[in-house]
């Protein structure tokens, strides 16, 4: 038996705040906070539930039935030279991949943004 995934329409929400110039000694630095939430389409969730019940691999190689997930991010942008911003960041992933099959995860990273 072959199961074809249904069309997917996902709800994706993102909100964030950035404050630049809050520290007079470093007027081009910034601090930011962002939050992302997505809700997987009910069609995909139902397809994966059926696949799991039948013991077949989940669509797209998912590790579990996907429903929803969220990410919280805090970063600090340091202007290291004109046009070059380095952003150390902290991120917390809630239900990575949209499933409860993967534990929540904490990430420490760094990004760079260059304007030419």
N, C-alpha and C. Protein backbone atom coordinates (compact mmCIF):
# COMPACT_ATOMS: atom_id res chain seq x y z
N UNK A 1 0.85 -1.18 0.00
CA UNK A 1 0.00 0.00 0.00
C UNK A 1 0.89 1.24 0.00
N UNK A 2 0.64 2.16 -0.89
CA UNK A 2 1.37 3.42 -0.96
C UNK A 2 0.47 4.53 -0.45
N UNK A 3 1.04 5.37 0.40
CA UNK A 3 0.28 6.49 0.96
C UNK A 3 0.89 7.77 0.41
N UNK A 4 0.09 8.59 -0.20
CA UNK A 4 0.54 9.87 -0.72
C UNK A 4 0.23 10.97 0.28
N UNK A 5 1.23 11.81 0.64
CA UNK A 5 0.95 12.92 1.56
C UNK A 5 -0.08 13.88 0.95
N UNK A 6 -0.88 14.47 1.82
CA UNK A 6 -1.85 15.47 1.38
C UNK A 6 -1.14 16.80 1.22
N UNK A 7 -1.82 17.74 0.55
CA UNK A 7 -1.26 19.08 0.40
C UNK A 7 -1.01 19.68 1.79
N UNK A 8 0.06 20.44 1.88
CA UNK A 8 0.45 21.01 3.18
C UNK A 8 0.27 22.52 3.17
N UNK A 9 -0.40 23.04 4.17
CA UNK A 9 -0.45 24.48 4.38
C UNK A 9 -0.08 24.71 5.84
N UNK A 10 1.06 25.30 6.03
CA UNK A 10 1.62 25.49 7.36
C UNK A 10 1.41 26.94 7.80
N UNK A 11 1.07 27.14 9.05
CA UNK A 11 1.01 28.48 9.64
C UNK A 11 2.39 28.78 10.19
N UNK A 12 2.94 29.92 9.82
CA UNK A 12 4.27 30.33 10.26
C UNK A 12 4.18 31.75 10.78
N UNK A 13 4.56 31.96 12.04
CA UNK A 13 4.53 33.29 12.65
C UNK A 13 5.92 33.64 13.16
N UNK A 14 6.33 34.88 12.93
CA UNK A 14 7.62 35.35 13.43
C UNK A 14 7.44 36.74 13.97
N UNK A 15 8.04 37.01 15.12
CA UNK A 15 8.02 38.35 15.70
C UNK A 15 9.37 38.61 16.33
N UNK A 16 9.81 39.84 16.28
CA UNK A 16 11.10 40.15 16.87
C UNK A 16 11.22 41.62 17.22
N UNK A 17 12.18 41.90 18.07
CA UNK A 17 12.51 43.26 18.48
C UNK A 17 14.01 43.45 18.37
N UNK A 18 14.42 44.61 17.88
CA UNK A 18 15.84 44.95 17.83
C UNK A 18 15.99 46.34 18.41
N UNK A 19 16.96 46.50 19.29
CA UNK A 19 17.27 47.81 19.86
C UNK A 19 18.71 48.14 19.50
N UNK A 20 18.89 49.23 18.79
CA UNK A 20 20.23 49.65 18.37
C UNK A 20 20.55 50.99 19.04
N UNK A 21 21.79 51.14 19.47
CA UNK A 21 22.23 52.40 20.04
C UNK A 21 21.86 52.58 21.50
N UNK A 22 21.50 51.50 22.18
CA UNK A 22 21.11 51.59 23.59
C UNK A 22 22.30 51.86 24.50
N UNK A 23 23.51 51.60 24.01
CA UNK A 23 24.74 51.79 24.78
C UNK A 23 25.54 52.89 24.08
N UNK A 24 25.68 54.04 24.71
CA UNK A 24 26.30 55.20 24.06
C UNK A 24 27.76 54.95 23.65
N UNK A 25 28.47 54.08 24.36
CA UNK A 25 29.86 53.79 24.00
C UNK A 25 29.96 52.97 22.70
N UNK A 26 28.89 52.28 22.32
CA UNK A 26 28.88 51.45 21.10
C UNK A 26 27.56 51.70 20.36
N UNK A 27 27.44 52.85 19.70
CA UNK A 27 26.16 53.26 19.11
C UNK A 27 25.66 52.38 17.96
N UNK A 28 26.52 51.57 17.35
CA UNK A 28 26.10 50.74 16.23
C UNK A 28 25.80 49.29 16.63
N UNK A 29 26.02 48.96 17.91
CA UNK A 29 25.70 47.62 18.39
C UNK A 29 24.18 47.50 18.53
N UNK A 30 23.72 46.26 18.58
CA UNK A 30 22.28 46.03 18.74
C UNK A 30 22.04 44.77 19.56
N UNK A 31 20.88 44.72 20.18
CA UNK A 31 20.44 43.52 20.88
C UNK A 31 19.09 43.14 20.28
N UNK A 32 18.88 41.85 20.11
CA UNK A 32 17.64 41.43 19.47
C UNK A 32 17.05 40.19 20.12
N UNK A 33 15.74 40.11 20.03
CA UNK A 33 15.01 38.93 20.50
C UNK A 33 14.00 38.58 19.43
N UNK A 34 13.90 37.29 19.11
CA UNK A 34 12.93 36.85 18.12
C UNK A 34 12.24 35.58 18.58
N UNK A 35 11.03 35.40 18.11
CA UNK A 35 10.26 34.20 18.40
C UNK A 35 9.60 33.73 17.11
N UNK A 36 9.68 32.42 16.87
CA UNK A 36 9.09 31.81 15.69
C UNK A 36 8.19 30.67 16.13
N UNK A 37 7.04 30.55 15.48
CA UNK A 37 6.13 29.45 15.75
C UNK A 37 5.61 28.93 14.42
N UNK A 38 5.55 27.63 14.28
CA UNK A 38 4.87 27.09 13.11
C UNK A 38 3.98 25.93 13.49
N UNK A 39 2.87 25.86 12.78
CA UNK A 39 1.86 24.83 12.98
C UNK A 39 1.78 24.05 11.67
N UNK A 40 2.10 22.77 11.71
CA UNK A 40 2.10 21.93 10.53
C UNK A 40 0.66 21.70 10.09
N UNK A 41 0.45 21.59 8.79
CA UNK A 41 -0.92 21.40 8.28
C UNK A 41 -1.55 20.14 8.86
N UNK A 42 -2.83 20.24 9.07
CA UNK A 42 -3.58 19.10 9.61
C UNK A 42 -3.54 17.92 8.65
N UNK A 43 -3.47 18.20 7.35
CA UNK A 43 -3.40 17.13 6.36
C UNK A 43 -2.13 16.31 6.51
N UNK A 44 -0.99 17.00 6.69
CA UNK A 44 0.27 16.27 6.87
C UNK A 44 0.25 15.50 8.19
N UNK A 45 -0.26 16.12 9.25
CA UNK A 45 -0.35 15.43 10.54
C UNK A 45 -1.18 14.16 10.42
N UNK A 46 -2.34 14.24 9.77
CA UNK A 46 -3.20 13.06 9.60
C UNK A 46 -2.51 12.00 8.75
N UNK A 47 -1.81 12.41 7.70
CA UNK A 47 -1.10 11.46 6.85
C UNK A 47 -0.05 10.72 7.66
N UNK A 48 0.72 11.46 8.47
CA UNK A 48 1.77 10.82 9.28
C UNK A 48 1.17 9.93 10.37
N UNK A 49 0.04 10.32 10.93
CA UNK A 49 -0.63 9.46 11.91
C UNK A 49 -1.04 8.14 11.27
N UNK A 50 -1.55 8.21 10.06
CA UNK A 50 -1.95 6.99 9.35
C UNK A 50 -0.73 6.15 9.01
N UNK A 51 0.33 6.79 8.53
CA UNK A 51 1.56 6.06 8.22
C UNK A 51 2.10 5.35 9.46
N UNK A 52 2.10 6.07 10.60
CA UNK A 52 2.59 5.47 11.85
C UNK A 52 1.73 4.28 12.26
N UNK A 53 0.41 4.42 12.11
CA UNK A 53 -0.50 3.33 12.48
C UNK A 53 -0.29 2.10 11.59
N UNK A 54 0.10 2.34 10.33
CA UNK A 54 0.32 1.24 9.40
C UNK A 54 1.75 0.70 9.46
N UNK A 55 2.61 1.38 10.24
CA UNK A 55 3.99 0.94 10.38
C UNK A 55 4.86 1.25 9.17
N UNK A 56 4.45 2.22 8.35
CA UNK A 56 5.25 2.61 7.19
C UNK A 56 6.10 3.82 7.53
N UNK A 57 7.19 4.07 6.79
CA UNK A 57 8.01 5.26 7.05
C UNK A 57 7.18 6.54 6.91
N UNK A 58 7.48 7.51 7.73
CA UNK A 58 6.75 8.78 7.69
C UNK A 58 7.18 9.61 6.48
N UNK A 59 6.25 10.40 5.96
CA UNK A 59 6.50 11.27 4.81
C UNK A 59 7.72 12.15 5.05
N UNK A 60 8.57 12.24 4.06
CA UNK A 60 9.73 13.12 4.14
C UNK A 60 10.77 12.69 5.16
N UNK A 61 10.68 11.48 5.68
CA UNK A 61 11.67 11.01 6.65
C UNK A 61 11.52 11.62 8.04
N UNK A 62 10.35 12.14 8.35
CA UNK A 62 10.12 12.74 9.68
C UNK A 62 10.38 11.70 10.77
N UNK A 63 10.86 12.18 11.92
CA UNK A 63 11.17 11.29 13.04
C UNK A 63 9.97 10.97 13.91
N UNK A 64 8.89 11.67 13.70
CA UNK A 64 7.66 11.47 14.45
C UNK A 64 6.56 12.26 13.77
N UNK A 65 5.35 12.09 14.25
CA UNK A 65 4.22 12.84 13.67
C UNK A 65 4.42 14.32 13.98
N UNK A 66 4.41 15.15 12.94
CA UNK A 66 4.66 16.58 13.09
C UNK A 66 3.37 17.33 13.38
N UNK A 67 3.42 18.22 14.37
CA UNK A 67 2.26 19.04 14.69
C UNK A 67 2.62 20.52 14.78
N UNK A 68 3.56 20.89 15.64
CA UNK A 68 3.94 22.29 15.81
C UNK A 68 5.32 22.38 16.45
N UNK A 69 5.94 23.57 16.36
CA UNK A 69 7.25 23.80 16.95
C UNK A 69 7.44 25.30 17.15
N UNK A 70 8.47 25.65 17.91
CA UNK A 70 8.78 27.06 18.16
C UNK A 70 10.27 27.21 18.41
N UNK A 71 10.76 28.43 18.15
CA UNK A 71 12.17 28.77 18.42
C UNK A 71 12.19 30.15 19.06
N UNK A 72 12.99 30.30 20.11
CA UNK A 72 13.23 31.59 20.77
C UNK A 72 14.70 31.93 20.55
N UNK A 73 15.00 33.18 20.19
CA UNK A 73 16.38 33.58 19.91
C UNK A 73 16.69 34.91 20.58
N UNK A 74 17.88 34.97 21.18
CA UNK A 74 18.42 36.20 21.75
C UNK A 74 19.80 36.40 21.14
N UNK A 75 20.07 37.60 20.61
CA UNK A 75 21.40 37.85 20.04
C UNK A 75 21.88 39.25 20.39
N UNK A 76 23.19 39.41 20.27
CA UNK A 76 23.82 40.72 20.48
C UNK A 76 24.71 40.99 19.28
N UNK A 77 24.43 42.04 18.54
CA UNK A 77 25.21 42.37 17.36
C UNK A 77 26.28 43.40 17.66
N UNK A 78 27.52 43.03 17.41
CA UNK A 78 28.65 43.93 17.63
C UNK A 78 29.22 44.38 16.29
N UNK A 79 29.27 45.69 16.08
CA UNK A 79 29.90 46.19 14.86
C UNK A 79 31.41 46.14 15.07
N UNK A 80 32.08 45.22 14.38
CA UNK A 80 33.53 45.07 14.54
C UNK A 80 34.29 45.98 13.59
N UNK A 81 33.66 46.42 12.52
CA UNK A 81 34.18 47.44 11.61
C UNK A 81 32.99 47.94 10.81
N UNK A 82 33.11 49.10 10.17
CA UNK A 82 31.97 49.61 9.41
C UNK A 82 31.49 48.57 8.38
N UNK A 83 30.23 48.21 8.47
CA UNK A 83 29.64 47.25 7.55
C UNK A 83 29.77 45.80 7.96
N UNK A 84 30.43 45.50 9.09
CA UNK A 84 30.57 44.11 9.54
C UNK A 84 30.03 43.97 10.95
N UNK A 85 28.97 43.19 11.07
CA UNK A 85 28.31 42.95 12.34
C UNK A 85 28.47 41.48 12.71
N UNK A 86 28.96 41.19 13.91
CA UNK A 86 29.08 39.83 14.42
C UNK A 86 28.05 39.67 15.51
N UNK A 87 27.25 38.58 15.41
CA UNK A 87 26.13 38.38 16.33
C UNK A 87 26.24 37.05 17.06
N UNK A 88 26.78 37.03 18.28
CA UNK A 88 26.65 35.83 19.10
C UNK A 88 25.17 35.64 19.43
N UNK A 89 24.72 34.38 19.49
CA UNK A 89 23.30 34.15 19.72
C UNK A 89 23.05 32.94 20.59
N UNK A 90 21.90 32.97 21.23
CA UNK A 90 21.37 31.84 21.99
C UNK A 90 20.01 31.51 21.40
N UNK A 91 19.77 30.23 21.12
CA UNK A 91 18.48 29.81 20.59
C UNK A 91 17.97 28.62 21.40
N UNK A 92 16.66 28.59 21.60
CA UNK A 92 16.02 27.46 22.27
C UNK A 92 14.95 26.92 21.34
N UNK A 93 15.10 25.66 20.92
CA UNK A 93 14.18 25.00 20.02
C UNK A 93 13.18 24.17 20.83
N UNK A 94 11.91 24.43 20.66
CA UNK A 94 10.84 23.71 21.34
C UNK A 94 10.19 22.77 20.32
N UNK A 95 10.26 21.48 20.57
CA UNK A 95 9.74 20.45 19.67
C UNK A 95 10.44 20.51 18.30
N UNK A 96 11.78 20.36 18.25
CA UNK A 96 12.48 20.41 16.96
C UNK A 96 11.86 19.47 15.94
N UNK A 97 11.73 19.95 14.72
CA UNK A 97 11.13 19.15 13.66
C UNK A 97 9.63 19.02 13.78
N UNK A 98 9.04 19.69 14.77
CA UNK A 98 7.59 19.65 14.93
C UNK A 98 7.07 18.41 15.61
N UNK A 99 7.97 17.61 16.21
CA UNK A 99 7.54 16.37 16.86
C UNK A 99 8.02 16.34 18.31
N UNK A 100 7.44 15.48 19.09
CA UNK A 100 7.92 15.25 20.44
C UNK A 100 8.98 14.17 20.47
N UNK A 101 9.36 13.65 19.27
CA UNK A 101 10.34 12.57 19.19
C UNK A 101 11.76 13.05 19.44
N UNK A 102 11.98 14.35 19.27
CA UNK A 102 13.31 14.93 19.48
C UNK A 102 13.22 15.86 20.68
N UNK A 103 14.13 15.74 21.65
CA UNK A 103 14.06 16.61 22.82
C UNK A 103 14.28 18.09 22.46
N UNK A 104 13.73 18.97 23.28
CA UNK A 104 14.00 20.39 23.11
C UNK A 104 15.51 20.60 23.11
N UNK A 105 15.97 21.63 22.41
CA UNK A 105 17.41 21.82 22.24
C UNK A 105 17.81 23.27 22.47
N UNK A 106 19.00 23.45 23.02
CA UNK A 106 19.58 24.77 23.26
C UNK A 106 20.79 24.91 22.35
N UNK A 107 20.92 26.04 21.67
CA UNK A 107 22.01 26.25 20.73
C UNK A 107 22.75 27.53 21.08
N UNK A 108 24.05 27.48 21.02
CA UNK A 108 24.89 28.68 21.15
C UNK A 108 25.60 28.81 19.82
N UNK A 109 25.53 29.97 19.20
CA UNK A 109 26.14 30.13 17.90
C UNK A 109 26.58 31.55 17.65
N UNK A 110 27.04 31.80 16.45
CA UNK A 110 27.46 33.14 16.03
C UNK A 110 27.12 33.29 14.55
N UNK A 111 26.64 34.48 14.20
CA UNK A 111 26.35 34.82 12.81
C UNK A 111 27.17 36.05 12.47
N UNK A 112 27.37 36.27 11.19
CA UNK A 112 28.03 37.49 10.73
C UNK A 112 27.18 38.10 9.63
N UNK A 113 27.13 39.42 9.62
CA UNK A 113 26.38 40.15 8.59
C UNK A 113 27.31 41.20 8.02
N UNK A 114 27.52 41.13 6.70
CA UNK A 114 28.42 42.08 6.05
C UNK A 114 27.67 42.87 5.00
N UNK A 115 27.84 44.19 5.02
CA UNK A 115 27.31 45.08 3.99
C UNK A 115 28.47 45.57 3.15
N UNK A 116 28.36 45.41 1.83
CA UNK A 116 29.43 45.86 0.92
C UNK A 116 29.03 47.13 0.24
